[in-house]
Amino acid sequence: EKKIKDTAEVAIKTLVIPLVNGEALGLVDGDADSDPEETRKLFQLFSTTLSLNEDGKAPLSELVNEILRSSDFFITDAQVKELLGCDSSLESCMIDAEDKYVSFSEFVMLYRKELSYK
């Protein structure tokens, strides 16, 4: 019972996004959030993850699967491979990503680096 409570506390602390004038801070090099609506969608996706580790981080493969299922995002197979940082087949990229965990801010930065601003 204590372990569940501790995990929930870590998850809640990790998911909190500091807001100033309605914009999330600390997501991309400490600058104001460049796309609050996108951040909101990514936060909703991240916050529904059931597999947070003890540090409040989510498996990257699970987040990518949720992006693929969501109608809020459009992503190609090539972009999935870029997001996962992998050059092999999509299937093996997803398997390799099962051991990669990211915080919410890491997830946003990775998503924006690989997908949003290309």
Foldseek 3Di string as FASTA:
>chain_A
DVLVVLQVVLQVVLLDFDDDPRFGADQAPRDTDPDRVVLVVLSVLLSPAPDQDSNNWHQPLSSLVSLVVDPVHDDDLVLCCQLLVHDDHSVVSSVVSRPPTDGSSRSSNSCCVRPVPD
